Amino acid sequence: MIGNRPRDTRPEVAVRSILHRRGLRFRTRFTIRLGGRRWTQPDIVFTRARLAVYVDGCFWHCCPEHGTKPEANADYWQTKLMRNVARDRDTDARLSAIGWTVLRAWEHEPPEELANRIDALLTEANRN
């Protein structure tokens, strides 16, 4: 598992590159504290708009299209992967409760489409 990068994955970097070319500036791995403790580090963060973007890996976050279920040590992996999904949902709920917009994308989504979704959310946030 040492080869699985926790940050700066190809999909993340591709989206960040597009956003940067469009003139959008953002933070990466910005720590958001919830209840006095460090809670989460989204992949891309727009602090003024309070937009947290996560680019989730298909395997680790159980993509319905591309997620696979290992056959070896299946009980261990099923428990671990379901814990990841539960943590994602909990994080989304907690961030929403304090006024953040959370955008989750799958690693297989085209970077240009994700950048367009981010653009739309930022435009909407600027209107309000």
N, C-alpha and C. Protein backbone atom coordinates (compact mmCIF):
# COMPACT_ATOMS: atom_id res chain seq x y z
N MET A 1 0.82 -1.20 0.00
CA MET A 1 0.00 0.00 0.00
C MET A 1 0.86 1.26 0.00
N ILE A 2 2.15 1.10 0.08
CA ILE A 2 3.04 2.25 0.11
C ILE A 2 2.97 3.05 -1.19
N GLY A 3 2.56 2.40 -2.27
CA GLY A 3 2.47 3.08 -3.56
C GLY A 3 1.20 3.92 -3.72
N ASN A 4 0.28 3.80 -2.76
CA ASN A 4 -0.97 4.57 -2.83
C ASN A 4 -0.75 5.93 -2.21
N ARG A 5 -0.76 6.95 -3.04
CA ARG A 5 -0.48 8.30 -2.58
C ARG A 5 -1.71 8.88 -1.88
N PRO A 6 -1.52 9.46 -0.70
CA PRO A 6 -2.65 10.06 0.00
C PRO A 6 -2.99 11.45 -0.53
N ARG A 7 -2.07 12.06 -1.26
CA ARG A 7 -2.30 13.40 -1.79
C ARG A 7 -1.53 13.58 -3.09
N ASP A 8 -1.87 14.64 -3.81
CA ASP A 8 -1.23 14.95 -5.09
C ASP A 8 -1.32 13.79 -6.08
N THR A 9 -2.48 13.16 -6.13
CA THR A 9 -2.69 12.09 -7.09
C THR A 9 -2.85 12.71 -8.48
N ARG A 10 -2.72 11.93 -9.52
CA ARG A 10 -2.86 12.45 -10.88
C ARG A 10 -4.19 13.17 -11.10
N PRO A 11 -5.32 12.58 -10.67
CA PRO A 11 -6.59 13.29 -10.88
C PRO A 11 -6.63 14.65 -10.16
N GLU A 12 -6.13 14.70 -8.93
CA GLU A 12 -6.09 15.96 -8.18
C GLU A 12 -5.24 17.00 -8.90
N VAL A 13 -4.06 16.60 -9.29
CA VAL A 13 -3.13 17.52 -9.95
C VAL A 13 -3.70 18.03 -11.27
N ALA A 14 -4.37 17.15 -12.00
CA ALA A 14 -4.97 17.56 -13.28
C ALA A 14 -6.04 18.63 -13.07
N VAL A 15 -6.89 18.44 -12.07
CA VAL A 15 -7.95 19.42 -11.79
C VAL A 15 -7.33 20.72 -11.29
N ARG A 16 -6.36 20.62 -10.40
CA ARG A 16 -5.71 21.83 -9.88
C ARG A 16 -5.05 22.62 -11.01
N SER A 17 -4.45 21.93 -11.95
CA SER A 17 -3.79 22.59 -13.07
C SER A 17 -4.80 23.37 -13.91
N ILE A 18 -5.95 22.76 -14.17
CA ILE A 18 -6.99 23.43 -14.95
C ILE A 18 -7.50 24.66 -14.19
N LEU A 19 -7.75 24.49 -12.89
CA LEU A 19 -8.25 25.62 -12.09
C LEU A 19 -7.24 26.76 -12.07
N HIS A 20 -5.97 26.42 -11.94
CA HIS A 20 -4.93 27.44 -11.90
C HIS A 20 -4.85 28.18 -13.23
N ARG A 21 -4.94 27.45 -14.34
CA ARG A 21 -4.92 28.10 -15.66
C ARG A 21 -6.10 29.04 -15.84
N ARG A 22 -7.21 28.74 -15.18
CA ARG A 22 -8.40 29.60 -15.26
C ARG A 22 -8.28 30.82 -14.34
N GLY A 23 -7.19 30.90 -13.61
CA GLY A 23 -6.98 32.05 -12.73
C GLY A 23 -7.56 31.88 -11.34
N LEU A 24 -8.02 30.69 -11.02
CA LEU A 24 -8.59 30.44 -9.70
C LEU A 24 -7.47 30.07 -8.73
N ARG A 25 -7.50 30.65 -7.56
CA ARG A 25 -6.49 30.36 -6.55
C ARG A 25 -7.15 29.64 -5.38
N PHE A 26 -6.46 28.68 -4.85
CA PHE A 26 -7.03 27.79 -3.85
C PHE A 26 -5.93 27.33 -2.91
N ARG A 27 -6.33 26.63 -1.88
CA ARG A 27 -5.39 26.03 -0.93
C ARG A 27 -5.46 24.53 -1.13
N THR A 28 -4.37 23.86 -0.81
CA THR A 28 -4.38 22.40 -0.84
C THR A 28 -4.11 21.90 0.57
N ARG A 29 -4.79 20.84 0.91
CA ARG A 29 -4.61 20.19 2.21
C ARG A 29 -4.74 21.18 3.37
N PHE A 30 -5.68 22.09 3.26
CA PHE A 30 -5.97 23.08 4.29
C PHE A 30 -6.71 22.37 5.42
N THR A 31 -6.23 22.50 6.64
CA THR A 31 -6.84 21.83 7.77
C THR A 31 -8.06 22.61 8.25
N ILE A 32 -9.18 21.94 8.34
CA ILE A 32 -10.41 22.53 8.86
C ILE A 32 -10.64 21.90 10.23
N ARG A 33 -10.77 22.74 11.23
CA ARG A 33 -10.98 22.25 12.59
C ARG A 33 -12.47 22.22 12.91
N LEU A 34 -12.89 21.13 13.49
CA LEU A 34 -14.28 20.97 13.90
C LEU A 34 -14.30 20.62 15.39
N GLY A 35 -14.97 21.43 16.16
CA GLY A 35 -15.06 21.14 17.59
C GLY A 35 -13.73 21.21 18.29
N GLY A 36 -12.85 22.10 17.87
CA GLY A 36 -11.58 22.28 18.56
C GLY A 36 -10.51 21.25 18.22
N ARG A 37 -10.80 20.36 17.28
CA ARG A 37 -9.77 19.39 16.91
C ARG A 37 -9.60 19.37 15.40
N ARG A 38 -8.41 18.98 14.98
CA ARG A 38 -8.15 18.88 13.55
C ARG A 38 -9.05 17.79 13.00
N TRP A 39 -9.74 18.09 11.94
CA TRP A 39 -10.67 17.10 11.45
C TRP A 39 -10.36 16.64 10.05
N THR A 40 -10.22 17.55 9.14
CA THR A 40 -10.18 17.13 7.75
C THR A 40 -9.25 18.00 6.93
N GLN A 41 -8.71 17.44 5.89
CA GLN A 41 -7.89 18.17 4.94
C GLN A 41 -8.40 17.86 3.53
N PRO A 42 -9.31 18.68 3.03
CA PRO A 42 -9.80 18.45 1.66
C PRO A 42 -8.67 18.57 0.65
N ASP A 43 -8.86 18.01 -0.53
CA ASP A 43 -7.84 18.05 -1.57
C ASP A 43 -7.66 19.46 -2.14
N ILE A 44 -8.77 20.17 -2.31
CA ILE A 44 -8.74 21.54 -2.84
C ILE A 44 -9.71 22.36 -1.99
N VAL A 45 -9.26 23.52 -1.54
CA VAL A 45 -10.10 24.35 -0.67
C VAL A 45 -10.12 25.79 -1.17
N PHE A 46 -11.32 26.33 -1.25
CA PHE A 46 -11.53 27.74 -1.54
C PHE A 46 -12.07 28.34 -0.25
N THR A 47 -11.20 28.99 0.52
CA THR A 47 -11.57 29.42 1.87
C THR A 47 -12.65 30.49 1.88
N ARG A 48 -12.56 31.49 1.01
CA ARG A 48 -13.58 32.56 1.02
C ARG A 48 -14.96 32.02 0.66
N ALA A 49 -15.02 31.16 -0.31
CA ALA A 49 -16.30 30.58 -0.73
C ALA A 49 -16.72 29.44 0.19
N ARG A 50 -15.82 29.02 1.07
CA ARG A 50 -16.06 27.88 1.98
C ARG A 50 -16.48 26.64 1.18
N LEU A 51 -15.65 26.33 0.19
CA LEU A 51 -15.86 25.17 -0.67
C LEU A 51 -14.72 24.18 -0.46
N ALA A 52 -15.08 22.97 -0.07
CA ALA A 52 -14.11 21.89 0.14
C ALA A 52 -14.32 20.84 -0.95
N VAL A 53 -13.27 20.53 -1.69
CA VAL A 53 -13.35 19.57 -2.79
C VAL A 53 -12.51 18.34 -2.45
N TYR A 54 -13.13 17.19 -2.59
CA TYR A 54 -12.44 15.91 -2.40
C TYR A 54 -12.47 15.15 -3.71
N VAL A 55 -11.33 14.65 -4.14
CA VAL A 55 -11.26 13.78 -5.31
C VAL A 55 -10.99 12.38 -4.76
N ASP A 56 -12.05 11.59 -4.68
CA ASP A 56 -11.98 10.28 -4.03
C ASP A 56 -11.54 9.19 -4.99
N GLY A 57 -10.70 8.31 -4.49
CA GLY A 57 -10.26 7.14 -5.25
C GLY A 57 -11.37 6.11 -5.32
N CYS A 58 -11.52 5.49 -6.46
CA CYS A 58 -12.61 4.53 -6.67
C CYS A 58 -12.53 3.34 -5.71
N PHE A 59 -11.35 2.81 -5.48
CA PHE A 59 -11.22 1.66 -4.59
C PHE A 59 -11.46 2.06 -3.14
N TRP A 60 -10.76 3.06 -2.66
CA TRP A 60 -10.76 3.42 -1.24
C TRP A 60 -12.09 3.99 -0.77
N HIS A 61 -12.88 4.52 -1.67
CA HIS A 61 -14.14 5.15 -1.27
C HIS A 61 -15.36 4.46 -1.88
N CYS A 62 -15.17 3.26 -2.41
CA CYS A 62 -16.25 2.38 -2.89
C CYS A 62 -17.10 2.98 -4.00
N CYS A 63 -16.44 3.37 -5.07
CA CYS A 63 -17.16 3.89 -6.24
C CYS A 63 -18.14 2.82 -6.74
N PRO A 64 -19.39 3.22 -6.98
CA PRO A 64 -20.36 2.23 -7.46
C PRO A 64 -20.05 1.72 -8.87
N GLU A 65 -19.30 2.50 -9.65
CA GLU A 65 -18.95 2.09 -11.00
C GLU A 65 -17.68 1.24 -11.05
N HIS A 66 -16.64 1.69 -10.35
CA HIS A 66 -15.32 1.07 -10.49
C HIS A 66 -14.76 0.45 -9.21
N GLY A 67 -15.46 0.60 -8.11
CA GLY A 67 -14.95 0.04 -6.85
C GLY A 67 -14.90 -1.47 -6.93
N THR A 68 -13.83 -2.04 -6.42
CA THR A 68 -13.69 -3.50 -6.42
C THR A 68 -13.67 -3.99 -4.99
N LYS A 69 -14.01 -5.26 -4.83
CA LYS A 69 -14.01 -5.88 -3.51
C LYS A 69 -12.97 -6.99 -3.51
N PRO A 70 -11.90 -6.80 -2.75
CA PRO A 70 -10.86 -7.83 -2.72
C PRO A 70 -11.40 -9.16 -2.19
N GLU A 71 -10.93 -10.23 -2.79
CA GLU A 71 -11.37 -11.56 -2.35
C GLU A 71 -10.50 -12.06 -1.21
N ALA A 72 -9.22 -11.73 -1.23
CA ALA A 72 -8.33 -12.15 -0.14
C ALA A 72 -8.60 -11.26 1.07
N ASN A 73 -8.82 -11.88 2.23
CA ASN A 73 -9.06 -11.15 3.47
C ASN A 73 -10.28 -10.23 3.33
N ALA A 74 -11.33 -10.76 2.74
CA ALA A 74 -12.51 -9.98 2.38
C ALA A 74 -13.16 -9.27 3.56
N ASP A 75 -13.25 -9.93 4.71
CA ASP A 75 -13.89 -9.31 5.88
C ASP A 75 -13.14 -8.05 6.31
N TYR A 76 -11.83 -8.15 6.36
CA TYR A 76 -11.01 -7.00 6.74
C TYR A 76 -11.24 -5.83 5.79
N TRP A 77 -11.17 -6.10 4.49
CA TRP A 77 -11.30 -5.03 3.51
C TRP A 77 -12.69 -4.44 3.49
N GLN A 78 -13.71 -5.29 3.61
CA GLN A 78 -15.08 -4.79 3.62
C GLN A 78 -15.29 -3.82 4.79
N THR A 79 -14.81 -4.21 5.96
CA THR A 79 -14.94 -3.35 7.15
C THR A 79 -14.18 -2.04 6.95
N LYS A 80 -12.95 -2.14 6.46
CA LYS A 80 -12.12 -0.95 6.26
C LYS A 80 -12.75 0.01 5.26
N LEU A 81 -13.19 -0.51 4.13
CA LEU A 81 -13.76 0.35 3.10
C LEU A 81 -15.08 0.97 3.54
N MET A 82 -15.91 0.23 4.26
CA MET A 82 -17.16 0.78 4.77
C MET A 82 -16.90 1.87 5.81
N ARG A 83 -15.83 1.70 6.58
CA ARG A 83 -15.43 2.75 7.54
C ARG A 83 -15.04 4.02 6.80
N ASN A 84 -14.34 3.88 5.68
CA ASN A 84 -13.97 5.05 4.87
C ASN A 84 -15.22 5.79 4.38
N VAL A 85 -16.19 5.04 3.88
CA VAL A 85 -17.42 5.64 3.36
C VAL A 85 -18.18 6.34 4.50
N ALA A 86 -18.26 5.69 5.65
CA ALA A 86 -18.96 6.30 6.80
C ALA A 86 -18.25 7.57 7.24
N ARG A 87 -16.93 7.56 7.26
CA ARG A 87 -16.16 8.75 7.63
C ARG A 87 -16.41 9.87 6.63
N ASP A 88 -16.47 9.54 5.34
CA ASP A 88 -16.76 10.55 4.31
C ASP A 88 -18.11 11.21 4.56
N ARG A 89 -19.14 10.41 4.82
CA ARG A 89 -20.48 10.96 5.05
C ARG A 89 -20.50 11.83 6.31
N ASP A 90 -19.82 11.38 7.36
CA ASP A 90 -19.76 12.14 8.60
C ASP A 90 -19.05 13.47 8.37
N THR A 91 -17.95 13.44 7.64
CA THR A 91 -17.20 14.66 7.33
C THR A 91 -18.07 15.62 6.53
N ASP A 92 -18.78 15.12 5.53
CA ASP A 92 -19.67 15.96 4.72
C ASP A 92 -20.71 16.65 5.61
N ALA A 93 -21.32 15.88 6.50
CA ALA A 93 -22.36 16.42 7.37
C ALA A 93 -21.80 17.47 8.32
N ARG A 94 -20.64 17.19 8.90
CA ARG A 94 -20.05 18.15 9.84
C ARG A 94 -19.63 19.44 9.15
N LEU A 95 -19.05 19.33 7.97
CA LEU A 95 -18.66 20.54 7.24
C LEU A 95 -19.89 21.34 6.81
N SER A 96 -20.91 20.67 6.35
CA SER A 96 -22.14 21.36 5.95
C SER A 96 -22.76 22.09 7.14
N ALA A 97 -22.69 21.46 8.31
CA ALA A 97 -23.28 22.05 9.51
C ALA A 97 -22.61 23.37 9.91
N ILE A 98 -21.35 23.55 9.54
CA ILE A 98 -20.67 24.81 9.88
C ILE A 98 -20.54 25.74 8.68
N GLY A 99 -21.34 25.47 7.65
CA GLY A 99 -21.45 26.41 6.53
C GLY A 99 -20.55 26.17 5.34
N TRP A 100 -19.92 25.02 5.26
CA TRP A 100 -19.08 24.69 4.11
C TRP A 100 -19.91 23.96 3.06
N THR A 101 -19.55 24.16 1.80
CA THR A 101 -20.10 23.36 0.71
C THR A 101 -19.07 22.28 0.41
N VAL A 102 -19.52 21.06 0.33
CA VAL A 102 -18.62 19.94 0.07
C VAL A 102 -18.92 19.38 -1.32
N LEU A 103 -17.87 19.26 -2.11
CA LEU A 103 -18.00 18.67 -3.44
C LEU A 103 -17.11 17.43 -3.47
N ARG A 104 -17.73 16.28 -3.70
CA ARG A 104 -16.98 15.03 -3.82
C ARG A 104 -17.02 14.58 -5.28
N ALA A 105 -15.87 14.18 -5.77
CA ALA A 105 -15.76 13.71 -7.15
C ALA A 105 -14.99 12.40 -7.14
N TRP A 106 -15.22 11.60 -8.16
CA TRP A 106 -14.48 10.34 -8.30
C TRP A 106 -13.24 10.58 -9.14
N GLU A 107 -12.22 9.80 -8.89
CA GLU A 107 -10.96 9.95 -9.63
C GLU A 107 -11.12 9.71 -11.12
N HIS A 108 -12.17 8.98 -11.53
CA HIS A 108 -12.35 8.69 -12.96
C HIS A 108 -13.09 9.81 -13.70
N GLU A 109 -13.61 10.79 -12.97
CA GLU A 109 -14.32 11.88 -13.64
C GLU A 109 -13.34 12.72 -14.45
N PRO A 110 -13.73 13.14 -15.65
CA PRO A 110 -12.84 13.98 -16.44
C PRO A 110 -12.50 15.28 -15.70
N PRO A 111 -11.22 15.62 -15.61
CA PRO A 111 -10.81 16.82 -14.86
C PRO A 111 -11.49 18.10 -15.33
N GLU A 112 -11.71 18.22 -16.62
CA GLU A 112 -12.36 19.42 -17.16
C GLU A 112 -13.80 19.55 -16.64
N GLU A 113 -14.51 18.43 -16.55
CA GLU A 113 -15.88 18.45 -16.04
C GLU A 113 -15.90 18.83 -14.56
N LEU A 114 -14.97 18.29 -13.80
CA LEU A 114 -14.90 18.63 -12.38
C LEU A 114 -14.56 20.11 -12.21
N ALA A 115 -13.64 20.61 -13.00
CA ALA A 115 -13.28 22.03 -12.93
C ALA A 115 -14.50 22.90 -13.25
N ASN A 116 -15.32 22.47 -14.21
CA ASN A 116 -16.55 23.21 -14.54
C ASN A 116 -17.53 23.21 -13.37
N ARG A 117 -17.66 22.07 -12.68
CA ARG A 117 -18.54 21.99 -11.51
C ARG A 117 -18.06 22.93 -10.41
N ILE A 118 -16.75 22.96 -10.21
CA ILE A 118 -16.16 23.84 -9.19
C ILE A 118 -16.42 25.30 -9.57
N ASP A 119 -16.19 25.63 -10.83
CA ASP A 119 -16.45 26.98 -11.34
C ASP A 119 -17.89 27.41 -11.05
N ALA A 120 -18.82 26.52 -11.33
CA ALA A 120 -20.24 26.83 -11.13
C ALA A 120 -20.54 27.09 -9.65
N LEU A 121 -19.98 26.29 -8.77
CA LEU A 121 -20.20 26.49 -7.33
C LEU A 121 -19.59 27.80 -6.86
N LEU A 122 -18.41 28.13 -7.37
CA LEU A 122 -17.77 29.39 -6.98
C LEU A 122 -18.56 30.59 -7.50
N THR A 123 -19.08 30.50 -8.71
CA THR A 123 -19.90 31.58 -9.27
C THR A 123 -21.14 31.77 -8.42
N GLU A 124 -21.78 30.69 -8.03
CA GLU A 124 -22.97 30.75 -7.18
C GLU A 124 -22.63 31.35 -5.82
N ALA A 125 -21.51 30.95 -5.24
CA ALA A 125 -21.10 31.48 -3.93
C ALA A 125 -20.81 32.97 -4.01
N ASN A 126 -20.28 33.44 -5.12
CA ASN A 126 -19.98 34.87 -5.28
C ASN A 126 -21.24 35.70 -5.43
N ARG A 127 -22.31 35.09 -5.95
CA ARG A 127 -23.58 35.80 -6.09
C ARG A 127 -24.24 36.06 -4.75
N ASN A 128 -24.00 35.16 -3.81
CA ASN A 128 -24.67 35.26 -2.49
C ASN A 128 -23.96 36.15 -1.54
